[in-house]
Amino acid sequence: ATNESEHVAKAALGVGSAEAERRSLTSEELREILRSEIGERTAAAAEYEAHGRQDVAERLHGEVAVLTRYV
């Protein structure tokens, strides 16, 4: 039987972990990810503006502008 410290030691060494298989995204999957990121940044910018953090909101709006070019 293994004790808790052995489990922690194995986890720290990466025992039992493996990198997930990578796959290519389709164009539509990529666009969906970009749309999601745009939505998250737009919502966050609105929250920052509501709390007087125009500096952060402007940075997020800039990121949205860049991402929008790829959708």
C-alpha atoms as a PDB file:
ATOM      1  CA  ALA A   1       0.000   0.000   0.000  1.00  0.00           C
ATOM      2  CA  THR A   2       1.205   3.497  -0.754  1.00  0.00           C
ATOM      3  CA  ASN A   3       0.930   6.296   1.699  1.00  0.00           C
ATOM      4  CA  GLU A   4       0.020   9.895   1.021  1.00  0.00           C
ATOM      5  CA  SER A   5       3.617  11.116   0.857  1.00  0.00           C
ATOM      6  CA  GLU A   6       4.389   8.578  -1.884  1.00  0.00           C
ATOM      7  CA  HIS A   7       1.418   9.827  -3.899  1.00  0.00           C
ATOM      8  CA  VAL A   8       2.610  13.409  -3.534  1.00  0.00           C
ATOM      9  CA  ALA A   9       6.159  12.461  -4.525  1.00  0.00           C
ATOM     10  CA  LYS A  10       4.944  10.615  -7.611  1.00  0.00           C
ATOM     11  CA  ALA A  11       2.732  13.540  -8.596  1.00  0.00           C
ATOM     12  CA  ALA A  12       5.652  15.944  -8.256  1.00  0.00           C
ATOM     13  CA  LEU A  13       7.694  13.754 -10.589  1.00  0.00           C
ATOM     14  CA  GLY A  14       4.881  13.561 -13.107  1.00  0.00           C
ATOM     15  CA  VAL A  15       4.376   9.827 -12.640  1.00  0.00           C
ATOM     16  CA  GLY A  16       1.187   8.749 -14.345  1.00  0.00           C
ATOM     17  CA  SER A  17       0.811  11.954 -16.301  1.00  0.00           C
ATOM     18  CA  ALA A  18       1.113  12.287 -20.020  1.00  0.00           C
ATOM     19  CA  GLU A  19       0.707  15.074 -22.490  1.00  0.00           C
ATOM     20  CA  ALA A  20      -2.652  15.040 -24.207  1.00  0.00           C
ATOM     21  CA  GLU A  21      -2.585  14.115 -27.849  1.00  0.00           C
ATOM     22  CA  ARG A  22      -2.540  17.223 -29.995  1.00  0.00           C
ATOM     23  CA  ARG A  23      -4.846  17.716 -32.916  1.00  0.00           C
ATOM     24  CA  SER A  24      -5.328  20.382 -35.519  1.00  0.00           C
ATOM     25  CA  LEU A  25      -8.269  22.732 -35.170  1.00  0.00           C
ATOM     26  CA  THR A  26     -10.648  23.251 -38.024  1.00  0.00           C
ATOM     27  CA  SER A  27     -11.152  26.784 -39.293  1.00  0.00           C
ATOM     28  CA  GLU A  28     -14.585  26.862 -37.672  1.00  0.00           C
ATOM     29  CA  GLU A  29     -13.226  25.666 -34.300  1.00  0.00           C
ATOM     30  CA  LEU A  30     -10.568  28.351 -34.427  1.00  0.00           C
ATOM     31  CA  ARG A  31     -13.146  31.041 -35.249  1.00  0.00           C
ATOM     32  CA  GLU A  32     -15.325  29.838 -32.358  1.00  0.00           C
ATOM     33  CA  ILE A  33     -12.400  30.130 -29.941  1.00  0.00           C
ATOM     34  CA  LEU A  34     -11.639  33.622 -31.216  1.00  0.00           C
ATOM     35  CA  ARG A  35     -15.305  34.666 -30.879  1.00  0.00           C
ATOM     36  CA  SER A  36     -15.299  33.364 -27.313  1.00  0.00           C
ATOM     37  CA  GLU A  37     -12.113  35.273 -26.477  1.00  0.00           C
ATOM     38  CA  ILE A  38     -13.560  38.420 -28.044  1.00  0.00           C
ATOM     39  CA  GLY A  39     -16.712  38.067 -25.952  1.00  0.00           C
ATOM     40  CA  GLU A  40     -14.765  37.521 -22.740  1.00  0.00           C
ATOM     41  CA  ARG A  41     -12.526  40.523 -23.351  1.00  0.00           C
ATOM     42  CA  THR A  42     -15.464  42.748 -24.319  1.00  0.00           C
ATOM     43  CA  ALA A  43     -17.337  41.813 -21.143  1.00  0.00           C
ATOM     44  CA  ALA A  44     -14.231  42.327 -19.013  1.00  0.00           C
ATOM     45  CA  ALA A  45     -13.611  45.728 -20.608  1.00  0.00           C
ATOM     46  CA  ALA A  46     -17.142  46.807 -19.716  1.00  0.00           C
ATOM     47  CA  GLU A  47     -16.589  45.719 -16.105  1.00  0.00           C
ATOM     48  CA  TYR A  48     -13.315  47.616 -15.881  1.00  0.00           C
ATOM     49  CA  GLU A  49     -14.940  50.719 -17.385  1.00  0.00           C
ATOM     50  CA  ALA A  50     -17.754  50.483 -14.834  1.00  0.00           C
ATOM     51  CA  HIS A  51     -15.156  50.473 -12.060  1.00  0.00           C
ATOM     52  CA  GLY A  52     -13.159  53.392 -13.389  1.00  0.00           C
ATOM     53  CA  ARG A  53     -10.283  51.391 -14.873  1.00  0.00           C
ATOM     54  CA  GLN A  54     -10.268  52.907 -18.330  1.00  0.00           C
ATOM     55  CA  ASP A  55      -6.592  51.993 -18.772  1.00  0.00           C
ATOM     56  CA  VAL A  56      -7.288  48.278 -18.526  1.00  0.00           C
ATOM     57  CA  ALA A  57     -10.473  48.594 -20.585  1.00  0.00           C
ATOM     58  CA  GLU A  58      -8.546  50.286 -23.392  1.00  0.00           C
ATOM     59  CA  ARG A  59      -5.965  47.497 -23.418  1.00  0.00           C
ATOM     60  CA  LEU A  60      -8.733  44.906 -23.666  1.00  0.00           C
ATOM     61  CA  HIS A  61     -10.441  46.834 -26.467  1.00  0.00           C
ATOM     62  CA  GLY A  62      -7.112  46.816 -28.304  1.00  0.00           C
ATOM     63  CA  GLU A  63      -6.891  43.043 -27.921  1.00  0.00           C
ATOM     64  CA  VAL A  64     -10.449  42.720 -29.241  1.00  0.00           C
ATOM     65  CA  ALA A  65      -9.497  44.783 -32.289  1.00  0.00           C
ATOM     66  CA  VAL A  66      -6.592  42.447 -33.041  1.00  0.00           C
ATOM     67  CA  LEU A  67      -8.623  39.266 -32.527  1.00  0.00           C
ATOM     68  CA  THR A  68     -11.465  40.594 -34.681  1.00  0.00           C
ATOM     69  CA  ARG A  69      -9.128  40.702 -37.674  1.00  0.00           C
ATOM     70  CA  TYR A  70      -8.897  36.914 -37.587  1.00  0.00           C
ATOM     71  CA  VAL A  71     -12.593  36.060 -37.315  1.00  0.00           C
END
